[in-house]
C-alpha atoms as a PDB file:
ATOM      1  CA  MET A   1      -0.202   0.254  -0.108  1.00  0.00           C
ATOM      2  CA  ILE A   2       1.455   3.408  -1.023  1.00  0.00           C
ATOM      3  CA  PRO A   3       0.973   6.768   0.930  1.00  0.00           C
ATOM      4  CA  SER A   4      -2.225   8.320   0.246  1.00  0.00           C
ATOM      5  CA  ASP A   5      -0.599  12.114   1.837  1.00  0.00           C
ATOM      6  CA  PRO A   6       0.750  13.114  -1.369  1.00  0.00           C
ATOM      7  CA  ILE A   7       4.121  14.248   0.443  1.00  0.00           C
ATOM      8  CA  MET A   8       4.463  11.357   1.863  1.00  0.00           C
ATOM      9  CA  LEU A   9       3.821   9.759  -1.364  1.00  0.00           C
ATOM     10  CA  LEU A  10       6.671  11.871  -2.798  1.00  0.00           C
ATOM     11  CA  SER A  11       9.396  10.618  -0.737  1.00  0.00           C
ATOM     12  CA  PHE A  12       7.715   7.299  -0.941  1.00  0.00           C
ATOM     13  CA  VAL A  13       8.260   7.401  -4.469  1.00  0.00           C
ATOM     14  CA  ASN A  14      10.954   9.389  -4.860  1.00  0.00           C
ATOM     15  CA  LEU A  15      13.046   6.784  -2.674  1.00  0.00           C
ATOM     16  CA  LYS A  16      12.202   3.401  -4.563  1.00  0.00           C
ATOM     17  CA  LEU A  17      13.031   5.397  -8.130  1.00  0.00           C
ATOM     18  CA  ARG A  18      16.202   6.478  -6.526  1.00  0.00           C
ATOM     19  CA  ASP A  19      17.424   2.800  -4.596  1.00  0.00           C
ATOM     20  CA  TYR A  20      15.369   0.084  -6.680  1.00  0.00           C
ATOM     21  CA  TYR A  21      13.856   1.274  -9.778  1.00  0.00           C
ATOM     22  CA  GLY A  22      15.034   2.858 -13.594  1.00  0.00           C
ATOM     23  CA  SER A  23      12.319   4.368 -14.278  1.00  0.00           C
ATOM     24  CA  LEU A  24       8.345   5.433 -13.168  1.00  0.00           C
ATOM     25  CA  ASP A  25       7.202   2.774 -15.595  1.00  0.00           C
ATOM     26  CA  ALA A  26       9.302  -0.014 -14.238  1.00  0.00           C
ATOM     27  CA  MET A  27       8.638   0.994 -10.753  1.00  0.00           C
ATOM     28  CA  CYS A  28       4.568   1.240 -11.875  1.00  0.00           C
ATOM     29  CA  GLU A  29       4.852  -2.237 -13.601  1.00  0.00           C
ATOM     30  CA  ASP A  30       6.736  -4.082 -10.675  1.00  0.00           C
ATOM     31  CA  LEU A  31       4.224  -2.700  -7.958  1.00  0.00           C
ATOM     32  CA  ASP A  32       1.272  -2.804  -9.746  1.00  0.00           C
ATOM     33  CA  LEU A  33       0.988   1.106  -9.528  1.00  0.00           C
ATOM     34  CA  SER A  34      -1.204   3.017 -11.350  1.00  0.00           C
ATOM     35  CA  ARG A  35       1.330   5.623 -13.218  1.00  0.00           C
ATOM     36  CA  GLU A  36      -1.583   8.454 -13.499  1.00  0.00           C
ATOM     37  CA  ASP A  37      -2.768   8.149 -10.300  1.00  0.00           C
ATOM     38  CA  ILE A  38       0.887   8.985  -8.643  1.00  0.00           C
ATOM     39  CA  THR A  39       1.428  11.554 -11.521  1.00  0.00           C
ATOM     40  CA  ALA A  40      -1.806  13.243 -11.077  1.00  0.00           C
ATOM     41  CA  LYS A  41      -1.812  13.005  -7.301  1.00  0.00           C
ATOM     42  CA  LEU A  42       1.793  14.495  -6.996  1.00  0.00           C
ATOM     43  CA  GLU A  43       0.808  17.192  -9.955  1.00  0.00           C
ATOM     44  CA  ALA A  44      -1.643  18.339  -7.467  1.00  0.00           C
ATOM     45  CA  VAL A  45       0.969  19.500  -5.264  1.00  0.00           C
ATOM     46  CA  ASN A  46       3.583  20.575  -7.975  1.00  0.00           C
ATOM     47  CA  TYR A  47       5.572  18.306  -8.478  1.00  0.00           C
ATOM     48  CA  CYS A  48       6.164  16.626 -12.297  1.00  0.00           C
ATOM     49  CA  TYR A  49       8.312  13.543 -12.742  1.00  0.00           C
ATOM     50  CA  ASP A  50      11.354  14.427 -14.983  1.00  0.00           C
ATOM     51  CA  ALA A  51      12.671  11.204 -16.381  1.00  0.00           C
ATOM     52  CA  GLU A  52      16.299  11.972 -16.971  1.00  0.00           C
ATOM     53  CA  LYS A  53      16.581  12.332 -13.119  1.00  0.00           C
ATOM     54  CA  ASN A  54      14.315   9.935 -12.421  1.00  0.00           C
ATOM     55  CA  GLN A  55      12.475  11.610  -9.797  1.00  0.00           C
ATOM     56  CA  PHE A  56       9.797  13.857  -8.978  1.00  0.00           C
ATOM     57  CA  VAL A  57      10.601  17.577  -8.629  1.00  0.00           C
END
């Protein structure tokens, strides 16, 4: 289960991307998560995925 609070979600996702996954797509596929849901929740608090950095900034 992933955090529902957007800031906690940001921390969770960026940690997973930094330590375990080479891309957001790989993480979502492996953890059976919706890329669209994660992206929408984080965009609501002004964070966007940067593929080059492989993190939400």
